Amino acid sequence: MLDLVEIAKVEIVEPTGWVNVDLDSGKDDCVRTFMLQVAILSNHQNGRDTHLRQVKVFTPALPTPSELNLNFTSPLLAQFRCLK
């Protein structure tokens, strides 16, 4: 359980713009993880350095506290009803 598990391996030739990588594990609807490792195995364009400028990870939408209709009665808990 403590080892890294390879979920996706993608080979990209001459990438431009955003590249989407679907992380479908085949077991669940989503991949549950505490760490995501991205490895660049080789450079392109005659060995120039490869740069990751931004990585976006999207997760399934979860209900917000306001959608859960939590009716707190104590002032101590009522202060956590919404985010400011």
PDB file of N, CA and C in Angstrom:
ATOM      1  N   MET A   1       0.807  -1.202   0.000  1.00  0.00           N
ATOM      2  CA  MET A   1       0.000   0.000   0.000  1.00  0.00           C
ATOM      3  C   MET A   1       0.851   1.267   0.000  1.00  0.00           C
ATOM      4  N   LEU A   2       2.113   1.203   0.370  1.00  0.00           N
ATOM      5  CA  LEU A   2       2.926   2.391   0.462  1.00  0.00           C
ATOM      6  C   LEU A   2       3.699   2.681  -0.813  1.00  0.00           C
ATOM      7  N   ASP A   3       3.583   1.831  -1.813  1.00  0.00           N
ATOM      8  CA  ASP A   3       4.315   2.019  -3.054  1.00  0.00           C
ATOM      9  C   ASP A   3       3.528   2.885  -4.028  1.00  0.00           C
ATOM     10  N   LEU A   4       4.262   3.516  -4.934  1.00  0.00           N
ATOM     11  CA  LEU A   4       3.618   4.274  -5.999  1.00  0.00           C
ATOM     12  C   LEU A   4       3.007   3.313  -7.006  1.00  0.00           C
ATOM     13  N   VAL A   5       1.869   3.675  -7.545  1.00  0.00           N
ATOM     14  CA  VAL A   5       1.181   2.867  -8.537  1.00  0.00           C
ATOM     15  C   VAL A   5       1.060   3.687  -9.804  1.00  0.00           C
ATOM     16  N   GLU A   6       1.510   3.143 -10.922  1.00  0.00           N
ATOM     17  CA  GLU A   6       1.409   3.865 -12.197  1.00  0.00           C
ATOM     18  C   GLU A   6      -0.020   3.781 -12.701  1.00  0.00           C
ATOM     19  N   ILE A   7      -0.639   4.940 -12.882  1.00  0.00           N
ATOM     20  CA  ILE A   7      -2.019   5.021 -13.348  1.00  0.00           C
ATOM     21  C   ILE A   7      -2.069   5.281 -14.846  1.00  0.00           C
ATOM     22  N   ALA A   8      -1.235   6.181 -15.335  1.00  0.00           N
ATOM     23  CA  ALA A   8      -1.267   6.536 -16.756  1.00  0.00           C
ATOM     24  C   ALA A   8       0.149   6.795 -17.251  1.00  0.00           C
ATOM     25  N   LYS A   9       0.406   6.392 -18.470  1.00  0.00           N
ATOM     26  CA  LYS A   9       1.672   6.686 -19.132  1.00  0.00           C
ATOM     27  C   LYS A   9       1.316   7.233 -20.503  1.00  0.00           C
ATOM     28  N   VAL A  10       1.774   8.436 -20.798  1.00  0.00           N
ATOM     29  CA  VAL A  10       1.396   9.118 -22.032  1.00  0.00           C
ATOM     30  C   VAL A  10       2.656   9.520 -22.779  1.00  0.00           C
ATOM     31  N   GLU A  11       2.704   9.214 -24.061  1.00  0.00           N
ATOM     32  CA  GLU A  11       3.804   9.670 -24.907  1.00  0.00           C
ATOM     33  C   GLU A  11       3.279  10.792 -25.790  1.00  0.00           C
ATOM     34  N   ILE A  12       3.934  11.939 -25.722  1.00  0.00           N
ATOM     35  CA  ILE A  12       3.477  13.126 -26.442  1.00  0.00           C
ATOM     36  C   ILE A  12       4.571  13.549 -27.411  1.00  0.00           C
ATOM     37  N   VAL A  13       4.191  13.758 -28.665  1.00  0.00           N
ATOM     38  CA  VAL A  13       5.137  14.201 -29.685  1.00  0.00           C
ATOM     39  C   VAL A  13       4.822  15.645 -30.030  1.00  0.00           C
ATOM     40  N   GLU A  14       5.812  16.537 -29.859  1.00  0.00           N
ATOM     41  CA  GLU A  14       5.679  17.970 -30.147  1.00  0.00           C
ATOM     42  C   GLU A  14       4.437  18.576 -29.488  1.00  0.00           C
ATOM     43  N   PRO A  15       4.379  18.605 -28.156  1.00  0.00           N
ATOM     44  CA  PRO A  15       3.201  19.163 -27.491  1.00  0.00           C
ATOM     45  C   PRO A  15       3.119  20.682 -27.634  1.00  0.00           C
ATOM     46  N   THR A  16       1.918  21.175 -27.827  1.00  0.00           N
ATOM     47  CA  THR A  16       1.654  22.612 -27.823  1.00  0.00           C
ATOM     48  C   THR A  16       0.367  22.838 -27.045  1.00  0.00           C
ATOM     49  N   GLY A  17       0.365  23.820 -26.192  1.00  0.00           N
ATOM     50  CA  GLY A  17      -0.830  24.117 -25.406  1.00  0.00           C
ATOM     51  C   GLY A  17      -1.044  23.092 -24.311  1.00  0.00           C
ATOM     52  N   TRP A  18      -2.294  23.008 -23.857  1.00  0.00           N
ATOM     53  CA  TRP A  18      -2.651  22.090 -22.782  1.00  0.00           C
ATOM     54  C   TRP A  18      -2.684  20.660 -23.284  1.00  0.00           C
ATOM     55  N   VAL A  19      -2.253  19.745 -22.451  1.00  0.00           N
ATOM     56  CA  VAL A  19      -2.342  18.317 -22.742  1.00  0.00           C
ATOM     57  C   VAL A  19      -3.148  17.683 -21.619  1.00  0.00           C
ATOM     58  N   ASN A  20      -4.264  17.068 -21.951  1.00  0.00           N
ATOM     59  CA  ASN A  20      -5.123  16.429 -20.953  1.00  0.00           C
ATOM     60  C   ASN A  20      -4.717  14.969 -20.790  1.00  0.00           C
ATOM     61  N   VAL A  21      -4.598  14.544 -19.548  1.00  0.00           N
ATOM     62  CA  VAL A  21      -4.278  13.154 -19.236  1.00  0.00           C
ATOM     63  C   VAL A  21      -5.375  12.636 -18.318  1.00  0.00           C
ATOM     64  N   ASP A  22      -6.098  11.621 -18.767  1.00  0.00           N
ATOM     65  CA  ASP A  22      -7.173  11.037 -17.981  1.00  0.00           C
ATOM     66  C   ASP A  22      -6.576  10.023 -17.013  1.00  0.00           C
ATOM     67  N   LEU A  23      -6.804  10.224 -15.728  1.00  0.00           N
ATOM     68  CA  LEU A  23      -6.275   9.319 -14.711  1.00  0.00           C
ATOM     69  C   LEU A  23      -7.342   8.331 -14.280  1.00  0.00           C
ATOM     70  N   ASP A  24      -7.717   7.445 -15.169  1.00  0.00           N
ATOM     71  CA  ASP A  24      -8.738   6.440 -14.895  1.00  0.00           C
ATOM     72  C   ASP A  24      -8.043   5.184 -14.399  1.00  0.00           C
ATOM     73  N   SER A  25      -8.294   4.827 -13.147  1.00  0.00           N
ATOM     74  CA  SER A  25      -7.629   3.659 -12.563  1.00  0.00           C
ATOM     75  C   SER A  25      -8.312   2.361 -12.954  1.00  0.00           C
ATOM     76  N   GLY A  26      -9.530   2.437 -13.465  1.00  0.00           N
ATOM     77  CA  GLY A  26     -10.256   1.240 -13.859  1.00  0.00           C
ATOM     78  C   GLY A  26     -10.982   0.574 -12.711  1.00  0.00           C
ATOM     79  N   LYS A  27     -10.716   0.970 -11.476  1.00  0.00           N
ATOM     80  CA  LYS A  27     -11.339   0.349 -10.312  1.00  0.00           C
ATOM     81  C   LYS A  27     -12.521   1.163  -9.813  1.00  0.00           C
ATOM     82  N   ASP A  28     -12.322   2.461  -9.649  1.00  0.00           N
ATOM     83  CA  ASP A  28     -13.323   3.355  -9.076  1.00  0.00           C
ATOM     84  C   ASP A  28     -13.694   4.425 -10.089  1.00  0.00           C
ATOM     85  N   ASP A  29     -14.583   5.311  -9.676  1.00  0.00           N
ATOM     86  CA  ASP A  29     -14.919   6.454 -10.516  1.00  0.00           C
ATOM     87  C   ASP A  29     -13.777   7.461 -10.540  1.00  0.00           C
ATOM     88  N   CYS A  30     -12.978   7.499  -9.481  1.00  0.00           N
ATOM     89  CA  CYS A  30     -11.873   8.440  -9.400  1.00  0.00           C
ATOM     90  C   CYS A  30     -10.682   7.790  -8.704  1.00  0.00           C
ATOM     91  N   VAL A  31      -9.558   8.435  -8.800  1.00  0.00           N
ATOM     92  CA  VAL A  31      -8.335   7.954  -8.163  1.00  0.00           C
ATOM     93  C   VAL A  31      -8.209   8.641  -6.812  1.00  0.00           C
ATOM     94  N   ARG A  32      -8.083   7.878  -5.754  1.00  0.00           N
ATOM     95  CA  ARG A  32      -7.907   8.437  -4.409  1.00  0.00           C
ATOM     96  C   ARG A  32      -6.420   8.416  -4.088  1.00  0.00           C
ATOM     97  N   THR A  33      -5.889   9.606  -3.764  1.00  0.00           N
ATOM     98  CA  THR A  33      -4.459   9.704  -3.532  1.00  0.00           C
ATOM     99  C   THR A  33      -4.124  10.851  -2.601  1.00  0.00           C
ATOM    100  N   PHE A  34      -2.962  10.776  -1.986  1.00  0.00           N
ATOM    101  CA  PHE A  34      -2.416  11.874  -1.204  1.00  0.00           C
ATOM    102  C   PHE A  34      -1.274  12.543  -1.941  1.00  0.00           C
ATOM    103  N   MET A  35      -0.735  11.879  -2.957  1.00  0.00           N
ATOM    104  CA  MET A  35       0.390  12.422  -3.707  1.00  0.00           C
ATOM    105  C   MET A  35       0.235  12.056  -5.180  1.00  0.00           C
ATOM    106  N   LEU A  36       0.547  12.991  -6.042  1.00  0.00           N
ATOM    107  CA  LEU A  36       0.528  12.768  -7.480  1.00  0.00           C
ATOM    108  C   LEU A  36       1.919  13.084  -8.000  1.00  0.00           C
ATOM    109  N   GLN A  37       2.551  12.122  -8.639  1.00  0.00           N
ATOM    110  CA  GLN A  37       3.897  12.327  -9.166  1.00  0.00           C
ATOM    111  C   GLN A  37       3.832  12.327 -10.689  1.00  0.00           C
ATOM    112  N   VAL A  38       4.411  13.358 -11.293  1.00  0.00           N
ATOM    113  CA  VAL A  38       4.504  13.467 -12.744  1.00  0.00           C
ATOM    114  C   VAL A  38       5.980  13.320 -13.101  1.00  0.00           C
ATOM    115  N   ALA A  39       6.288  12.363 -13.956  1.00  0.00           N
ATOM    116  CA  ALA A  39       7.684  12.111 -14.337  1.00  0.00           C
ATOM    117  C   ALA A  39       7.859  12.378 -15.823  1.00  0.00           C
ATOM    118  N   ILE A  40       8.845  13.185 -16.172  1.00  0.00           N
ATOM    119  CA  ILE A  40       9.214  13.438 -17.562  1.00  0.00           C
ATOM    120  C   ILE A  40      10.370  12.484 -17.866  1.00  0.00           C
ATOM    121  N   LEU A  41      10.117  11.485 -18.702  1.00  0.00           N
ATOM    122  CA  LEU A  41      11.111  10.444 -18.939  1.00  0.00           C
ATOM    123  C   LEU A  41      12.133  10.821 -20.007  1.00  0.00           C
ATOM    124  N   SER A  42      11.761  11.692 -20.925  1.00  0.00           N
ATOM    125  CA  SER A  42      12.728  12.127 -21.937  1.00  0.00           C
ATOM    126  C   SER A  42      12.323  13.504 -22.457  1.00  0.00           C
ATOM    127  N   ASN A  43      13.306  14.257 -22.925  1.00  0.00           N
ATOM    128  CA  ASN A  43      13.078  15.592 -23.467  1.00  0.00           C
ATOM    129  C   ASN A  43      12.776  15.509 -24.954  1.00  0.00           C
ATOM    130  N   HIS A  44      12.210  16.557 -25.474  1.00  0.00           N
ATOM    131  CA  HIS A  44      11.951  16.629 -26.915  1.00  0.00           C
ATOM    132  C   HIS A  44      12.780  17.768 -27.509  1.00  0.00           C
ATOM    133  N   GLN A  45      12.715  17.967 -28.778  1.00  0.00           N
ATOM    134  CA  GLN A  45      13.426  19.032 -29.502  1.00  0.00           C
ATOM    135  C   GLN A  45      14.934  18.993 -29.225  1.00  0.00           C
ATOM    136  N   ASN A  46      15.551  17.900 -29.574  1.00  0.00           N
ATOM    137  CA  ASN A  46      17.001  17.726 -29.477  1.00  0.00           C
ATOM    138  C   ASN A  46      17.537  17.917 -28.060  1.00  0.00           C
ATOM    139  N   GLY A  47      16.802  17.452 -27.061  1.00  0.00           N
ATOM    140  CA  GLY A  47      17.299  17.456 -25.696  1.00  0.00           C
ATOM    141  C   GLY A  47      17.121  18.732 -24.916  1.00  0.00           C
ATOM    142  N   ARG A  48      16.357  19.682 -25.420  1.00  0.00           N
ATOM    143  CA  ARG A  48      16.086  20.892 -24.629  1.00  0.00           C
ATOM    144  C   ARG A  48      15.324  20.506 -23.367  1.00  0.00           C
ATOM    145  N   ASP A  49      15.511  21.317 -22.344  1.00  0.00           N
ATOM    146  CA  ASP A  49      14.826  21.030 -21.088  1.00  0.00           C
ATOM    147  C   ASP A  49      13.312  21.126 -21.254  1.00  0.00           C
ATOM    148  N   THR A  50      12.618  20.256 -20.575  1.00  0.00           N
ATOM    149  CA  THR A  50      11.163  20.262 -20.579  1.00  0.00           C
ATOM    150  C   THR A  50      10.681  20.982 -19.330  1.00  0.00           C
ATOM    151  N   HIS A  51       9.710  21.868 -19.486  1.00  0.00           N
ATOM    152  CA  HIS A  51       9.174  22.637 -18.368  1.00  0.00           C
ATOM    153  C   HIS A  51       7.683  22.368 -18.228  1.00  0.00           C
ATOM    154  N   LEU A  52       7.252  22.090 -17.008  1.00  0.00           N
ATOM    155  CA  LEU A  52       5.827  22.052 -16.698  1.00  0.00           C
ATOM    156  C   LEU A  52       5.481  23.406 -16.116  1.00  0.00           C
ATOM    157  N   ARG A  53       4.671  24.158 -16.810  1.00  0.00           N
ATOM    158  CA  ARG A  53       4.345  25.501 -16.342  1.00  0.00           C
ATOM    159  C   ARG A  53       3.165  25.504 -15.381  1.00  0.00           C
ATOM    160  N   GLN A  54       2.275  24.540 -15.543  1.00  0.00           N
ATOM    161  CA  GLN A  54       1.116  24.481 -14.655  1.00  0.00           C
ATOM    162  C   GLN A  54       0.514  23.088 -14.719  1.00  0.00           C
ATOM    163  N   VAL A  55       0.052  22.602 -13.583  1.00  0.00           N
ATOM    164  CA  VAL A  55      -0.644  21.321 -13.502  1.00  0.00           C
ATOM    165  C   VAL A  55      -1.967  21.593 -12.807  1.00  0.00           C
ATOM    166  N   LYS A  56      -3.055  21.188 -13.442  1.00  0.00           N
ATOM    167  CA  LYS A  56      -4.382  21.335 -12.846  1.00  0.00           C
ATOM    168  C   LYS A  56      -4.930  19.942 -12.566  1.00  0.00           C
ATOM    169  N   VAL A  57      -5.405  19.738 -11.354  1.00  0.00           N
ATOM    170  CA  VAL A  57      -6.010  18.469 -10.969  1.00  0.00           C
ATOM    171  C   VAL A  57      -7.452  18.762 -10.599  1.00  0.00           C
ATOM    172  N   PHE A  58      -8.373  18.099 -11.274  1.00  0.00           N
ATOM    173  CA  PHE A  58      -9.797  18.297 -11.027  1.00  0.00           C
ATOM    174  C   PHE A  58     -10.349  17.113 -10.247  1.00  0.00           C
ATOM    175  N   THR A  59     -11.229  17.400  -9.315  1.00  0.00           N
ATOM    176  CA  THR A  59     -11.838  16.366  -8.486  1.00  0.00           C
ATOM    177  C   THR A  59     -13.346  16.376  -8.680  1.00  0.00           C
ATOM    178  N   PRO A  60     -14.019  15.306  -8.280  1.00  0.00           N
ATOM    179  CA  PRO A  60     -15.481  15.312  -8.364  1.00  0.00           C
ATOM    180  C   PRO A  60     -16.068  16.395  -7.464  1.00  0.00           C
ATOM    181  N   ALA A  61     -17.185  16.945  -7.874  1.00  0.00           N
ATOM    182  CA  ALA A  61     -17.843  17.989  -7.093  1.00  0.00           C
ATOM    183  C   ALA A  61     -18.464  17.385  -5.839  1.00  0.00           C
ATOM    184  N   LEU A  62     -18.182  17.990  -4.707  1.00  0.00           N
ATOM    185  CA  LEU A  62     -18.757  17.561  -3.439  1.00  0.00           C
ATOM    186  C   LEU A  62     -19.747  18.617  -2.970  1.00  0.00           C
ATOM    187  N   PRO A  63     -20.749  18.215  -2.205  1.00  0.00           N
ATOM    188  CA  PRO A  63     -21.711  19.219  -1.730  1.00  0.00           C
ATOM    189  C   PRO A  63     -21.046  20.219  -0.791  1.00  0.00           C
ATOM    190  N   THR A  64     -21.421  21.477  -0.956  1.00  0.00           N
ATOM    191  CA  THR A  64     -20.904  22.525  -0.073  1.00  0.00           C
ATOM    192  C   THR A  64     -21.687  22.499   1.237  1.00  0.00           C
ATOM    193  N   PRO A  65     -21.144  23.074   2.295  1.00  0.00           N
ATOM    194  CA  PRO A  65     -21.887  23.094   3.567  1.00  0.00           C
ATOM    195  C   PRO A  65     -23.261  23.740   3.452  1.00  0.00           C
ATOM    196  N   SER A  66     -23.413  24.745   2.577  1.00  0.00           N
ATOM    197  CA  SER A  66     -24.732  25.383   2.439  1.00  0.00           C
ATOM    198  C   SER A  66     -25.726  24.440   1.763  1.00  0.00           C
ATOM    199  N   GLU A  67     -25.256  23.517   0.940  1.00  0.00           N
ATOM    200  CA  GLU A  67     -26.156  22.558   0.293  1.00  0.00           C
ATOM    201  C   GLU A  67     -26.556  21.415   1.224  1.00  0.00           C
ATOM    202  N   LEU A  68     -25.830  21.226   2.307  1.00  0.00           N
ATOM    203  CA  LEU A  68     -26.132  20.149   3.239  1.00  0.00           C
ATOM    204  C   LEU A  68     -27.248  20.508   4.218  1.00  0.00           C
ATOM    205  N   ASN A  69     -27.656  21.781   4.238  1.00  0.00           N
ATOM    206  CA  ASN A  69     -28.712  22.269   5.136  1.00  0.00           C
ATOM    207  C   ASN A  69     -28.409  21.917   6.592  1.00  0.00           C
ATOM    208  N   LEU A  70     -27.244  22.290   7.048  1.00  0.00           N
ATOM    209  CA  LEU A  70     -26.864  22.046   8.433  1.00  0.00           C
ATOM    210  C   LEU A  70     -27.440  23.150   9.302  1.00  0.00           C
ATOM    211  N   ASN A  71     -28.242  22.780  10.255  1.00  0.00           N
ATOM    212  CA  ASN A  71     -28.868  23.743  11.159  1.00  0.00           C
ATOM    213  C   ASN A  71     -28.172  23.668  12.507  1.00  0.00           C
ATOM    214  N   PHE A  72     -27.144  24.482  12.675  1.00  0.00           N
ATOM    215  CA  PHE A  72     -26.418  24.510  13.932  1.00  0.00           C
ATOM    216  C   PHE A  72     -27.180  25.364  14.928  1.00  0.00           C
ATOM    217  N   THR A  73     -27.233  24.903  16.147  1.00  0.00           N
ATOM    218  CA  THR A  73     -27.952  25.655  17.175  1.00  0.00           C
ATOM    219  C   THR A  73     -27.004  26.377  18.125  1.00  0.00           C
ATOM    220  N   SER A  74     -25.821  25.876  18.322  1.00  0.00           N
ATOM    221  CA  SER A  74     -24.894  26.531  19.247  1.00  0.00           C
ATOM    222  C   SER A  74     -24.082  27.589  18.499  1.00  0.00           C
ATOM    223  N   PRO A  75     -23.768  28.715  19.146  1.00  0.00           N
ATOM    224  CA  PRO A  75     -22.958  29.757  18.500  1.00  0.00           C
ATOM    225  C   PRO A  75     -21.567  29.252  18.118  1.00  0.00           C
ATOM    226  N   LEU A  76     -21.034  28.315  18.890  1.00  0.00           N
ATOM    227  CA  LEU A  76     -19.704  27.784  18.603  1.00  0.00           C
ATOM    228  C   LEU A  76     -19.671  27.088  17.243  1.00  0.00           C
ATOM    229  N   LEU A  77     -20.676  26.299  16.928  1.00  0.00           N
ATOM    230  CA  LEU A  77     -20.722  25.600  15.647  1.00  0.00           C
ATOM    231  C   LEU A  77     -21.290  26.473  14.529  1.00  0.00           C
ATOM    232  N   ALA A  78     -22.173  27.402  14.870  1.00  0.00           N
ATOM    233  CA  ALA A  78     -22.785  28.252  13.850  1.00  0.00           C
ATOM    234  C   ALA A  78     -21.757  29.131  13.145  1.00  0.00           C
ATOM    235  N   GLN A  79     -20.634  29.432  13.793  1.00  0.00           N
ATOM    236  CA  GLN A  79     -19.615  30.267  13.162  1.00  0.00           C
ATOM    237  C   GLN A  79     -18.941  29.560  11.991  1.00  0.00           C
ATOM    238  N   PHE A  80     -19.091  28.265  11.859  1.00  0.00           N
ATOM    239  CA  PHE A  80     -18.466  27.509  10.787  1.00  0.00           C
ATOM    240  C   PHE A  80     -19.448  27.135   9.669  1.00  0.00           C
ATOM    241  N   ARG A  81     -20.616  27.783   9.634  1.00  0.00           N
ATOM    242  CA  ARG A  81     -21.618  27.477   8.617  1.00  0.00           C
ATOM    243  C   ARG A  81     -21.177  27.866   7.215  1.00  0.00           C
ATOM    244  N   CYS A  82     -20.393  28.893   7.074  1.00  0.00           N
ATOM    245  CA  CYS A  82     -19.990  29.356   5.743  1.00  0.00           C
ATOM    246  C   CYS A  82     -18.530  29.817   5.765  1.00  0.00           C
ATOM    247  N   LEU A  83     -17.961  29.898   4.597  1.00  0.00           N
ATOM    248  CA  LEU A  83     -16.595  30.374   4.459  1.00  0.00           C
ATOM    249  C   LEU A  83     -16.616  31.865   4.172  1.00  0.00           C
ATOM    250  N   LYS A  84     -15.691  32.596   4.765  1.00  0.00           N
ATOM    251  CA  LYS A  84     -15.628  34.036   4.526  1.00  0.00           C
ATOM    252  C   LYS A  84     -14.404  34.366   3.739  1.00  0.00           C
TER     253      LYS A  84
END
